[in-house]
Amino acid sequence: MSDPSFAPRPTLEAVAARAGVSRATASRVVNGSEGVRAPLVERVRKAVDELGYVPNQAARTLVTRRNDAIAVVVAEPETRFFTDPFFAQQVRGISKELTARDNQLV
């Protein structure tokens, strides 16, 4: 019996095939683009849910040339940054807000 944790991730092509639409239509739905009829949107979303599809962030980064990473630059000596609890609170708050918006803190 094979280990289900090593099953290949579902692809956008698999989602499109399950929904009975083209890859381009599935891509537009997954990316939230306009211009796709409501019945097709529902079929694609259902296929995404059934297959457990999650977009590949590395592939998306290559295509869009965006990585949704945000840097925080602090103009303070590192001794102060790492010892003052104010900075830890700020970084935690920034990280929490960025994570909620699918961005990452650098």
PDB file of N, CA and C in Angstrom:
ATOM      1  N   MET A   1       0.845  -1.181   0.000  1.00  0.00           N
ATOM      2  CA  MET A   1       0.000   0.000   0.000  1.00  0.00           C
ATOM      3  C   MET A   1       0.885   1.238   0.000  1.00  0.00           C
ATOM      4  N   SER A   2       0.592   2.209  -0.840  1.00  0.00           N
ATOM      5  CA  SER A   2       1.426   3.402  -0.930  1.00  0.00           C
ATOM      6  C   SER A   2       1.024   4.423   0.129  1.00  0.00           C
ATOM      7  N   ASP A   3       1.982   5.257   0.482  1.00  0.00           N
ATOM      8  CA  ASP A   3       1.768   6.291   1.495  1.00  0.00           C
ATOM      9  C   ASP A   3       1.066   7.481   0.856  1.00  0.00           C
ATOM     10  N   PRO A   4      -0.161   7.851   1.300  1.00  0.00           N
ATOM     11  CA  PRO A   4      -0.887   8.953   0.677  1.00  0.00           C
ATOM     12  C   PRO A   4      -0.198  10.303   0.865  1.00  0.00           C
ATOM     13  N   SER A   5       0.704  10.420   1.847  1.00  0.00           N
ATOM     14  CA  SER A   5       1.380  11.699   2.050  1.00  0.00           C
ATOM     15  C   SER A   5       2.365  11.999   0.927  1.00  0.00           C
ATOM     16  N   PHE A   6       2.710  10.976   0.121  1.00  0.00           N
ATOM     17  CA  PHE A   6       3.625  11.182  -0.991  1.00  0.00           C
ATOM     18  C   PHE A   6       2.899  11.200  -2.336  1.00  0.00           C
ATOM     19  N   ALA A   7       1.595  11.328  -2.306  1.00  0.00           N
ATOM     20  CA  ALA A   7       0.824  11.408  -3.542  1.00  0.00           C
ATOM     21  C   ALA A   7       1.160  12.708  -4.254  1.00  0.00           C
ATOM     22  N   PRO A   8       1.229  12.686  -5.576  1.00  0.00           N
ATOM     23  CA  PRO A   8       1.553  13.924  -6.289  1.00  0.00           C
ATOM     24  C   PRO A   8       0.467  14.976  -6.085  1.00  0.00           C
ATOM     25  N   ARG A   9       0.899  16.230  -6.052  1.00  0.00           N
ATOM     26  CA  ARG A   9      -0.053  17.330  -5.898  1.00  0.00           C
ATOM     27  C   ARG A   9      -0.894  17.443  -7.161  1.00  0.00           C
ATOM     28  N   PRO A  10      -2.182  17.729  -7.009  1.00  0.00           N
ATOM     29  CA  PRO A  10      -3.016  17.907  -8.197  1.00  0.00           C
ATOM     30  C   PRO A  10      -2.552  19.140  -8.983  1.00  0.00           C
ATOM     31  N   THR A  11      -2.607  19.028 -10.281  1.00  0.00           N
ATOM     32  CA  THR A  11      -2.179  20.113 -11.158  1.00  0.00           C
ATOM     33  C   THR A  11      -3.376  20.914 -11.649  1.00  0.00           C
ATOM     34  N   LEU A  12      -3.094  22.060 -12.232  1.00  0.00           N
ATOM     35  CA  LEU A  12      -4.149  22.874 -12.828  1.00  0.00           C
ATOM     36  C   LEU A  12      -4.797  22.112 -13.985  1.00  0.00           C
ATOM     37  N   GLU A  13      -4.006  21.329 -14.683  1.00  0.00           N
ATOM     38  CA  GLU A  13      -4.553  20.505 -15.776  1.00  0.00           C
ATOM     39  C   GLU A  13      -5.569  19.501 -15.250  1.00  0.00           C
ATOM     40  N   ALA A  14      -5.280  18.919 -14.078  1.00  0.00           N
ATOM     41  CA  ALA A  14      -6.220  17.970 -13.471  1.00  0.00           C
ATOM     42  C   ALA A  14      -7.507  18.667 -13.061  1.00  0.00           C
ATOM     43  N   VAL A  15      -7.382  19.877 -12.543  1.00  0.00           N
ATOM     44  CA  VAL A  15      -8.570  20.661 -12.172  1.00  0.00           C
ATOM     45  C   VAL A  15      -9.404  20.941 -13.412  1.00  0.00           C
ATOM     46  N   ALA A  16      -8.743  21.369 -14.486  1.00  0.00           N
ATOM     47  CA  ALA A  16      -9.451  21.679 -15.738  1.00  0.00           C
ATOM     48  C   ALA A  16     -10.167  20.441 -16.272  1.00  0.00           C
ATOM     49  N   ALA A  17      -9.476  19.307 -16.252  1.00  0.00           N
ATOM     50  CA  ALA A  17     -10.085  18.069 -16.751  1.00  0.00           C
ATOM     51  C   ALA A  17     -11.293  17.685 -15.897  1.00  0.00           C
ATOM     52  N   ARG A  18     -11.171  17.786 -14.577  1.00  0.00           N
ATOM     53  CA  ARG A  18     -12.280  17.433 -13.685  1.00  0.00           C
ATOM     54  C   ARG A  18     -13.478  18.349 -13.918  1.00  0.00           C
ATOM     55  N   ALA A  19     -13.200  19.637 -14.163  1.00  0.00           N
ATOM     56  CA  ALA A  19     -14.278  20.606 -14.358  1.00  0.00           C
ATOM     57  C   ALA A  19     -14.812  20.610 -15.786  1.00  0.00           C
ATOM     58  N   GLY A  20     -14.089  19.978 -16.707  1.00  0.00           N
ATOM     59  CA  GLY A  20     -14.520  19.959 -18.101  1.00  0.00           C
ATOM     60  C   GLY A  20     -14.332  21.300 -18.795  1.00  0.00           C
ATOM     61  N   VAL A  21     -13.249  21.994 -18.431  1.00  0.00           N
ATOM     62  CA  VAL A  21     -12.956  23.296 -19.032  1.00  0.00           C
ATOM     63  C   VAL A  21     -11.510  23.292 -19.524  1.00  0.00           C
ATOM     64  N   SER A  22     -11.130  24.337 -20.219  1.00  0.00           N
ATOM     65  CA  SER A  22      -9.743  24.444 -20.669  1.00  0.00           C
ATOM     66  C   SER A  22      -8.847  24.832 -19.500  1.00  0.00           C
ATOM     67  N   ARG A  23      -7.549  24.612 -19.676  1.00  0.00           N
ATOM     68  CA  ARG A  23      -6.584  25.015 -18.650  1.00  0.00           C
ATOM     69  C   ARG A  23      -6.639  26.521 -18.447  1.00  0.00           C
ATOM     70  N   ALA A  24      -6.808  27.266 -19.532  1.00  0.00           N
ATOM     71  CA  ALA A  24      -6.871  28.728 -19.444  1.00  0.00           C
ATOM     72  C   ALA A  24      -8.063  29.179 -18.604  1.00  0.00           C
ATOM     73  N   THR A  25      -9.204  28.536 -18.781  1.00  0.00           N
ATOM     74  CA  THR A  25     -10.386  28.889 -17.989  1.00  0.00           C
ATOM     75  C   THR A  25     -10.152  28.563 -16.520  1.00  0.00           C
ATOM     76  N   ALA A  26      -9.595  27.386 -16.253  1.00  0.00           N
ATOM     77  CA  ALA A  26      -9.300  27.015 -14.870  1.00  0.00           C
ATOM     78  C   ALA A  26      -8.329  28.019 -14.248  1.00  0.00           C
ATOM     79  N   SER A  27      -7.333  28.434 -15.008  1.00  0.00           N
ATOM     80  CA  SER A  27      -6.360  29.406 -14.518  1.00  0.00           C
ATOM     81  C   SER A  27      -7.024  30.737 -14.195  1.00  0.00           C
ATOM     82  N   ARG A  28      -7.917  31.190 -15.080  1.00  0.00           N
ATOM     83  CA  ARG A  28      -8.601  32.462 -14.827  1.00  0.00           C
ATOM     84  C   ARG A  28      -9.438  32.390 -13.544  1.00  0.00           C
ATOM     85  N   VAL A  29     -10.095  31.269 -13.326  1.00  0.00           N
ATOM     86  CA  VAL A  29     -10.912  31.122 -12.113  1.00  0.00           C
ATOM     87  C   VAL A  29     -10.016  31.100 -10.872  1.00  0.00           C
ATOM     88  N   VAL A  30      -8.965  30.308 -10.902  1.00  0.00           N
ATOM     89  CA  VAL A  30      -8.069  30.193  -9.746  1.00  0.00           C
ATOM     90  C   VAL A  30      -7.418  31.533  -9.416  1.00  0.00           C
ATOM     91  N   ASN A  31      -7.109  32.318 -10.449  1.00  0.00           N
ATOM     92  CA  ASN A  31      -6.456  33.610 -10.236  1.00  0.00           C
ATOM     93  C   ASN A  31      -7.438  34.759 -10.018  1.00  0.00           C
ATOM     94  N   GLY A  32      -8.733  34.464 -10.025  1.00  0.00           N
ATOM     95  CA  GLY A  32      -9.740  35.485  -9.734  1.00  0.00           C
ATOM     96  C   GLY A  32      -9.975  36.475 -10.849  1.00  0.00           C
ATOM     97  N   SER A  33      -9.674  36.082 -12.082  1.00  0.00           N
ATOM     98  CA  SER A  33      -9.884  36.981 -13.215  1.00  0.00           C
ATOM     99  C   SER A  33     -11.363  37.078 -13.560  1.00  0.00           C
ATOM    100  N   GLU A  34     -11.703  38.156 -14.214  1.00  0.00           N
ATOM    101  CA  GLU A  34     -13.083  38.382 -14.657  1.00  0.00           C
ATOM    102  C   GLU A  34     -13.323  37.666 -15.995  1.00  0.00           C
ATOM    103  N   GLY A  35     -14.566  37.611 -16.394  1.00  0.00           N
ATOM    104  CA  GLY A  35     -14.904  37.128 -17.727  1.00  0.00           C
ATOM    105  C   GLY A  35     -15.180  35.645 -17.837  1.00  0.00           C
ATOM    106  N   VAL A  36     -15.347  34.960 -16.731  1.00  0.00           N
ATOM    107  CA  VAL A  36     -15.699  33.545 -16.762  1.00  0.00           C
ATOM    108  C   VAL A  36     -17.129  33.423 -16.265  1.00  0.00           C
ATOM    109  N   ARG A  37     -17.953  32.717 -17.044  1.00  0.00           N
ATOM    110  CA  ARG A  37     -19.359  32.573 -16.675  1.00  0.00           C
ATOM    111  C   ARG A  37     -19.516  31.847 -15.341  1.00  0.00           C
ATOM    112  N   ALA A  38     -20.509  32.250 -14.583  1.00  0.00           N
ATOM    113  CA  ALA A  38     -20.738  31.730 -13.228  1.00  0.00           C
ATOM    114  C   ALA A  38     -20.810  30.202 -13.162  1.00  0.00           C
ATOM    115  N   PRO A  39     -21.514  29.524 -14.091  1.00  0.00           N
ATOM    116  CA  PRO A  39     -21.560  28.058 -13.997  1.00  0.00           C
ATOM    117  C   PRO A  39     -20.173  27.417 -14.133  1.00  0.00           C
ATOM    118  N   LEU A  40     -19.323  28.005 -14.966  1.00  0.00           N
ATOM    119  CA  LEU A  40     -17.976  27.469 -15.129  1.00  0.00           C
ATOM    120  C   LEU A  40     -17.135  27.736 -13.887  1.00  0.00           C
ATOM    121  N   VAL A  41     -17.308  28.909 -13.302  1.00  0.00           N
ATOM    122  CA  VAL A  41     -16.591  29.239 -12.069  1.00  0.00           C
ATOM    123  C   VAL A  41     -16.947  28.218 -10.996  1.00  0.00           C
ATOM    124  N   GLU A  42     -18.213  27.898 -10.864  1.00  0.00           N
ATOM    125  CA  GLU A  42     -18.634  26.930  -9.849  1.00  0.00           C
ATOM    126  C   GLU A  42     -18.049  25.545 -10.121  1.00  0.00           C
ATOM    127  N   ARG A  43     -18.019  25.128 -11.381  1.00  0.00           N
ATOM    128  CA  ARG A  43     -17.446  23.814 -11.713  1.00  0.00           C
ATOM    129  C   ARG A  43     -15.968  23.762 -11.378  1.00  0.00           C
ATOM    130  N   VAL A  44     -15.251  24.832 -11.693  1.00  0.00           N
ATOM    131  CA  VAL A  44     -13.812  24.857 -11.402  1.00  0.00           C
ATOM    132  C   VAL A  44     -13.583  24.870  -9.898  1.00  0.00           C
ATOM    133  N   ARG A  45     -14.329  25.683  -9.175  1.00  0.00           N
ATOM    134  CA  ARG A  45     -14.161  25.733  -7.710  1.00  0.00           C
ATOM    135  C   ARG A  45     -14.471  24.386  -7.070  1.00  0.00           C
ATOM    136  N   LYS A  46     -15.476  23.709  -7.580  1.00  0.00           N
ATOM    137  CA  LYS A  46     -15.815  22.383  -7.061  1.00  0.00           C
ATOM    138  C   LYS A  46     -14.666  21.409  -7.321  1.00  0.00           C
ATOM    139  N   ALA A  47     -14.084  21.470  -8.520  1.00  0.00           N
ATOM    140  CA  ALA A  47     -12.950  20.596  -8.854  1.00  0.00           C
ATOM    141  C   ALA A  47     -11.745  20.903  -7.968  1.00  0.00           C
ATOM    142  N   VAL A  48     -11.505  22.186  -7.713  1.00  0.00           N
ATOM    143  CA  VAL A  48     -10.406  22.588  -6.822  1.00  0.00           C
ATOM    144  C   VAL A  48     -10.609  21.977  -5.437  1.00  0.00           C
ATOM    145  N   ASP A  49     -11.825  22.077  -4.921  1.00  0.00           N
ATOM    146  CA  ASP A  49     -12.129  21.518  -3.600  1.00  0.00           C
ATOM    147  C   ASP A  49     -11.994  20.000  -3.581  1.00  0.00           C
ATOM    148  N   GLU A  50     -12.530  19.340  -4.599  1.00  0.00           N
ATOM    149  CA  GLU A  50     -12.495  17.879  -4.651  1.00  0.00           C
ATOM    150  C   GLU A  50     -11.064  17.350  -4.737  1.00  0.00           C
ATOM    151  N   LEU A  51     -10.242  18.023  -5.522  1.00  0.00           N
ATOM    152  CA  LEU A  51      -8.874  17.555  -5.723  1.00  0.00           C
ATOM    153  C   LEU A  51      -7.900  18.075  -4.663  1.00  0.00           C
ATOM    154  N   GLY A  52      -8.313  19.098  -3.942  1.00  0.00           N
ATOM    155  CA  GLY A  52      -7.401  19.701  -2.970  1.00  0.00           C
ATOM    156  C   GLY A  52      -6.293  20.488  -3.639  1.00  0.00           C
ATOM    157  N   TYR A  53      -6.612  21.100  -4.775  1.00  0.00           N
ATOM    158  CA  TYR A  53      -5.611  21.853  -5.530  1.00  0.00           C
ATOM    159  C   TYR A  53      -5.166  23.099  -4.773  1.00  0.00           C
ATOM    160  N   VAL A  54      -3.860  23.315  -4.725  1.00  0.00           N
ATOM    161  CA  VAL A  54      -3.270  24.521  -4.160  1.00  0.00           C
ATOM    162  C   VAL A  54      -2.292  25.048  -5.200  1.00  0.00           C
ATOM    163  N   PRO A  55      -2.422  26.315  -5.605  1.00  0.00           N
ATOM    164  CA  PRO A  55      -1.498  26.847  -6.610  1.00  0.00           C
ATOM    165  C   PRO A  55      -0.046  26.730  -6.149  1.00  0.00           C
ATOM    166  N   ASN A  56       0.824  26.441  -7.088  1.00  0.00           N
ATOM    167  CA  ASN A  56       2.252  26.327  -6.815  1.00  0.00           C
ATOM    168  C   ASN A  56       2.840  27.731  -6.774  1.00  0.00           C
ATOM    169  N   GLN A  57       3.235  28.168  -5.575  1.00  0.00           N
ATOM    170  CA  GLN A  57       3.726  29.537  -5.408  1.00  0.00           C
ATOM    171  C   GLN A  57       5.015  29.779  -6.183  1.00  0.00           C
ATOM    172  N   ALA A  58       5.879  28.786  -6.282  1.00  0.00           N
ATOM    173  CA  ALA A  58       7.133  28.949  -7.029  1.00  0.00           C
ATOM    174  C   ALA A  58       6.840  29.183  -8.504  1.00  0.00           C
ATOM    175  N   ALA A  59       5.904  28.437  -9.056  1.00  0.00           N
ATOM    176  CA  ALA A  59       5.548  28.617 -10.464  1.00  0.00           C
ATOM    177  C   ALA A  59       4.903  29.976 -10.692  1.00  0.00           C
ATOM    178  N   ARG A  60       4.047  30.370  -9.772  1.00  0.00           N
ATOM    179  CA  ARG A  60       3.390  31.671  -9.897  1.00  0.00           C
ATOM    180  C   ARG A  60       4.415  32.803  -9.849  1.00  0.00           C
ATOM    181  N   THR A  61       5.417  32.654  -8.992  1.00  0.00           N
ATOM    182  CA  THR A  61       6.473  33.661  -8.894  1.00  0.00           C
ATOM    183  C   THR A  61       7.231  33.791 -10.209  1.00  0.00           C
ATOM    184  N   LEU A  62       7.507  32.670 -10.852  1.00  0.00           N
ATOM    185  CA  LEU A  62       8.212  32.712 -12.134  1.00  0.00           C
ATOM    186  C   LEU A  62       7.392  33.413 -13.212  1.00  0.00           C
ATOM    187  N   VAL A  63       6.100  33.151 -13.236  1.00  0.00           N
ATOM    188  CA  VAL A  63       5.238  33.723 -14.265  1.00  0.00           C
ATOM    189  C   VAL A  63       4.980  35.207 -14.023  1.00  0.00           C
ATOM    190  N   THR A  64       4.682  35.561 -12.796  1.00  0.00           N
ATOM    191  CA  THR A  64       4.316  36.948 -12.510  1.00  0.00           C
ATOM    192  C   THR A  64       5.508  37.842 -12.195  1.00  0.00           C
ATOM    193  N   ARG A  65       6.655  37.218 -11.933  1.00  0.00           N
ATOM    194  CA  ARG A  65       7.866  37.943 -11.530  1.00  0.00           C
ATOM    195  C   ARG A  65       7.640  38.751 -10.255  1.00  0.00           C
ATOM    196  N   ARG A  66       6.755  38.225  -9.419  1.00  0.00           N
ATOM    197  CA  ARG A  66       6.485  38.811  -8.102  1.00  0.00           C
ATOM    198  C   ARG A  66       6.574  37.691  -7.080  1.00  0.00           C
ATOM    199  N   ASN A  67       7.131  37.981  -5.942  1.00  0.00           N
ATOM    200  CA  ASN A  67       7.215  36.934  -4.928  1.00  0.00           C
ATOM    201  C   ASN A  67       6.424  37.265  -3.665  1.00  0.00           C
ATOM    202  N   ASP A  68       5.766  38.409  -3.649  1.00  0.00           N
ATOM    203  CA  ASP A  68       4.940  38.813  -2.511  1.00  0.00           C
ATOM    204  C   ASP A  68       5.724  38.784  -1.196  1.00  0.00           C
ATOM    205  N   ALA A  69       7.006  39.106  -1.284  1.00  0.00           N
ATOM    206  CA  ALA A  69       7.837  39.212  -0.084  1.00  0.00           C
ATOM    207  C   ALA A  69       8.026  40.690   0.233  1.00  0.00           C
ATOM    208  N   ILE A  70       7.988  40.993   1.498  1.00  0.00           N
ATOM    209  CA  ILE A  70       8.137  42.377   1.940  1.00  0.00           C
ATOM    210  C   ILE A  70       9.255  42.428   2.961  1.00  0.00           C
ATOM    211  N   ALA A  71      10.176  43.336   2.736  1.00  0.00           N
ATOM    212  CA  ALA A  71      11.309  43.478   3.650  1.00  0.00           C
ATOM    213  C   ALA A  71      11.009  44.549   4.683  1.00  0.00           C
ATOM    214  N   VAL A  72      11.484  44.315   5.876  1.00  0.00           N
ATOM    215  CA  VAL A  72      11.394  45.312   6.931  1.00  0.00           C
ATOM    216  C   VAL A  72      12.825  45.760   7.226  1.00  0.00           C
ATOM    217  N   VAL A  73      13.061  47.037   7.068  1.00  0.00           N
ATOM    218  CA  VAL A  73      14.386  47.597   7.319  1.00  0.00           C
ATOM    219  C   VAL A  73      14.288  48.467   8.568  1.00  0.00           C
ATOM    220  N   VAL A  74      15.159  48.189   9.515  1.00  0.00           N
ATOM    221  CA  VAL A  74      15.149  48.931  10.771  1.00  0.00           C
ATOM    222  C   VAL A  74      16.494  49.645  10.910  1.00  0.00           C
ATOM    223  N   ALA A  75      16.432  50.941  11.041  1.00  0.00           N
ATOM    224  CA  ALA A  75      17.649  51.748  11.165  1.00  0.00           C
ATOM    225  C   ALA A  75      18.027  51.914  12.632  1.00  0.00           C
ATOM    226  N   GLU A  76      18.319  50.802  13.259  1.00  0.00           N
ATOM    227  CA  GLU A  76      18.752  50.793  14.661  1.00  0.00           C
ATOM    228  C   GLU A  76      19.907  49.812  14.774  1.00  0.00           C
ATOM    229  N   PRO A  77      20.770  49.994  15.750  1.00  0.00           N
ATOM    230  CA  PRO A  77      21.841  49.012  15.951  1.00  0.00           C
ATOM    231  C   PRO A  77      21.248  47.644  16.289  1.00  0.00           C
ATOM    232  N   GLU A  78      21.903  46.594  15.825  1.00  0.00           N
ATOM    233  CA  GLU A  78      21.359  45.250  16.065  1.00  0.00           C
ATOM    234  C   GLU A  78      21.270  44.917  17.540  1.00  0.00           C
ATOM    235  N   THR A  79      22.150  45.486  18.352  1.00  0.00           N
ATOM    236  CA  THR A  79      22.059  45.217  19.790  1.00  0.00           C
ATOM    237  C   THR A  79      20.743  45.733  20.361  1.00  0.00           C
ATOM    238  N   ARG A  80      20.297  46.870  19.887  1.00  0.00           N
ATOM    239  CA  ARG A  80      19.012  47.399  20.357  1.00  0.00           C
ATOM    240  C   ARG A  80      17.848  46.610  19.758  1.00  0.00           C
ATOM    241  N   PHE A  81      17.945  46.302  18.457  1.00  0.00           N
ATOM    242  CA  PHE A  81      16.870  45.592  17.778  1.00  0.00           C
ATOM    243  C   PHE A  81      16.589  44.252  18.452  1.00  0.00           C
ATOM    244  N   PHE A  82      17.626  43.507  18.816  1.00  0.00           N
ATOM    245  CA  PHE A  82      17.439  42.169  19.374  1.00  0.00           C
ATOM    246  C   PHE A  82      17.209  42.160  20.885  1.00  0.00           C
ATOM    247  N   THR A  83      17.356  43.291  21.555  1.00  0.00           N
ATOM    248  CA  THR A  83      17.144  43.303  23.006  1.00  0.00           C
ATOM    249  C   THR A  83      15.900  44.081  23.431  1.00  0.00           C
ATOM    250  N   ASP A  84      15.449  44.994  22.613  1.00  0.00           N
ATOM    251  CA  ASP A  84      14.287  45.822  22.960  1.00  0.00           C
ATOM    252  C   ASP A  84      13.005  45.083  22.582  1.00  0.00           C
ATOM    253  N   PRO A  85      12.118  44.767  23.529  1.00  0.00           N
ATOM    254  CA  PRO A  85      10.885  44.023  23.216  1.00  0.00           C
ATOM    255  C   PRO A  85       9.951  44.764  22.273  1.00  0.00           C
ATOM    256  N   PHE A  86      10.098  46.069  22.154  1.00  0.00           N
ATOM    257  CA  PHE A  86       9.277  46.842  21.218  1.00  0.00           C
ATOM    258  C   PHE A  86       9.420  46.300  19.803  1.00  0.00           C
ATOM    259  N   PHE A  87      10.643  46.009  19.386  1.00  0.00           N
ATOM    260  CA  PHE A  87      10.876  45.548  18.027  1.00  0.00           C
ATOM    261  C   PHE A  87      10.272  44.167  17.796  1.00  0.00           C
ATOM    262  N   ALA A  88      10.354  43.293  18.778  1.00  0.00           N
ATOM    263  CA  ALA A  88       9.758  41.958  18.648  1.00  0.00           C
ATOM    264  C   ALA A  88       8.248  42.066  18.452  1.00  0.00           C
ATOM    265  N   GLN A  89       7.606  42.959  19.202  1.00  0.00           N
ATOM    266  CA  GLN A  89       6.157  43.154  19.056  1.00  0.00           C
ATOM    267  C   GLN A  89       5.821  43.681  17.661  1.00  0.00           C
ATOM    268  N   GLN A  90       6.620  44.622  17.183  1.00  0.00           N
ATOM    269  CA  GLN A  90       6.363  45.185  15.865  1.00  0.00           C
ATOM    270  C   GLN A  90       6.515  44.142  14.769  1.00  0.00           C
ATOM    271  N   VAL A  91       7.574  43.353  14.835  1.00  0.00           N
ATOM    272  CA  VAL A  91       7.813  42.333  13.819  1.00  0.00           C
ATOM    273  C   VAL A  91       6.720  41.267  13.858  1.00  0.00           C
ATOM    274  N   ARG A  92       6.285  40.861  15.039  1.00  0.00           N
ATOM    275  CA  ARG A  92       5.182  39.894  15.145  1.00  0.00           C
ATOM    276  C   ARG A  92       3.909  40.445  14.513  1.00  0.00           C
ATOM    277  N   GLY A  93       3.600  41.707  14.801  1.00  0.00           N
ATOM    278  CA  GLY A  93       2.398  42.317  14.229  1.00  0.00           C
ATOM    279  C   GLY A  93       2.463  42.434  12.719  1.00  0.00           C
ATOM    280  N   ILE A  94       3.606  42.864  12.211  1.00  0.00           N
ATOM    281  CA  ILE A  94       3.787  42.979  10.757  1.00  0.00           C
ATOM    282  C   ILE A  94       3.662  41.611  10.114  1.00  0.00           C
ATOM    283  N   SER A  95       4.319  40.618  10.687  1.00  0.00           N
ATOM    284  CA  SER A  95       4.280  39.265  10.138  1.00  0.00           C
ATOM    285  C   SER A  95       2.863  38.707  10.120  1.00  0.00           C
ATOM    286  N   LYS A  96       2.114  38.928  11.186  1.00  0.00           N
ATOM    287  CA  LYS A  96       0.726  38.443  11.264  1.00  0.00           C
ATOM    288  C   LYS A  96      -0.129  39.046  10.157  1.00  0.00           C
ATOM    289  N   GLU A  97      -0.006  40.350   9.952  1.00  0.00           N
ATOM    290  CA  GLU A  97      -0.796  41.020   8.921  1.00  0.00           C
ATOM    291  C   GLU A  97      -0.389  40.577   7.514  1.00  0.00           C
ATOM    292  N   LEU A  98       0.901  40.416   7.285  1.00  0.00           N
ATOM    293  CA  LEU A  98       1.357  39.972   5.969  1.00  0.00           C
ATOM    294  C   LEU A  98       0.917  38.547   5.674  1.00  0.00           C
ATOM    295  N   THR A  99       0.995  37.675   6.666  1.00  0.00           N
ATOM    296  CA  THR A  99       0.578  36.289   6.483  1.00  0.00           C
ATOM    297  C   THR A  99      -0.903  36.206   6.134  1.00  0.00           C
ATOM    298  N   ALA A 100      -1.706  37.042   6.742  1.00  0.00           N
ATOM    299  CA  ALA A 100      -3.143  37.055   6.454  1.00  0.00           C
ATOM    300  C   ALA A 100      -3.429  37.460   5.012  1.00  0.00           C
ATOM    301  N   ARG A 101      -2.462  38.117   4.390  1.00  0.00           N
ATOM    302  CA  ARG A 101      -2.636  38.572   3.002  1.00  0.00           C
ATOM    303  C   ARG A 101      -1.750  37.780   2.029  1.00  0.00           C
ATOM    304  N   ASP A 102      -1.318  36.607   2.454  1.00  0.00           N
ATOM    305  CA  ASP A 102      -0.478  35.707   1.642  1.00  0.00           C
ATOM    306  C   ASP A 102       0.830  36.354   1.196  1.00  0.00           C
ATOM    307  N   ASN A 103       1.383  37.197   2.040  1.00  0.00           N
ATOM    308  CA  ASN A 103       2.697  37.769   1.786  1.00  0.00           C
ATOM    309  C   ASN A 103       3.659  37.200   2.803  1.00  0.00           C
ATOM    310  N   GLN A 104       4.935  37.350   2.545  1.00  0.00           N
ATOM    311  CA  GLN A 104       5.913  36.857   3.514  1.00  0.00           C
ATOM    312  C   GLN A 104       6.859  37.963   3.922  1.00  0.00           C
ATOM    313  N   LEU A 105       7.305  37.872   5.140  1.00  0.00           N
ATOM    314  CA  LEU A 105       8.197  38.865   5.708  1.00  0.00           C
ATOM    315  C   LEU A 105       9.638  38.423   5.496  1.00  0.00           C
ATOM    316  N   VAL A 106      10.447  39.351   5.018  1.00  0.00           N
ATOM    317  CA  VAL A 106      11.878  39.092   4.815  1.00  0.00           C
ATOM    318  C   VAL A 106      12.645  39.939   5.792  1.00  0.00           C
TER     319      VAL A 106
END
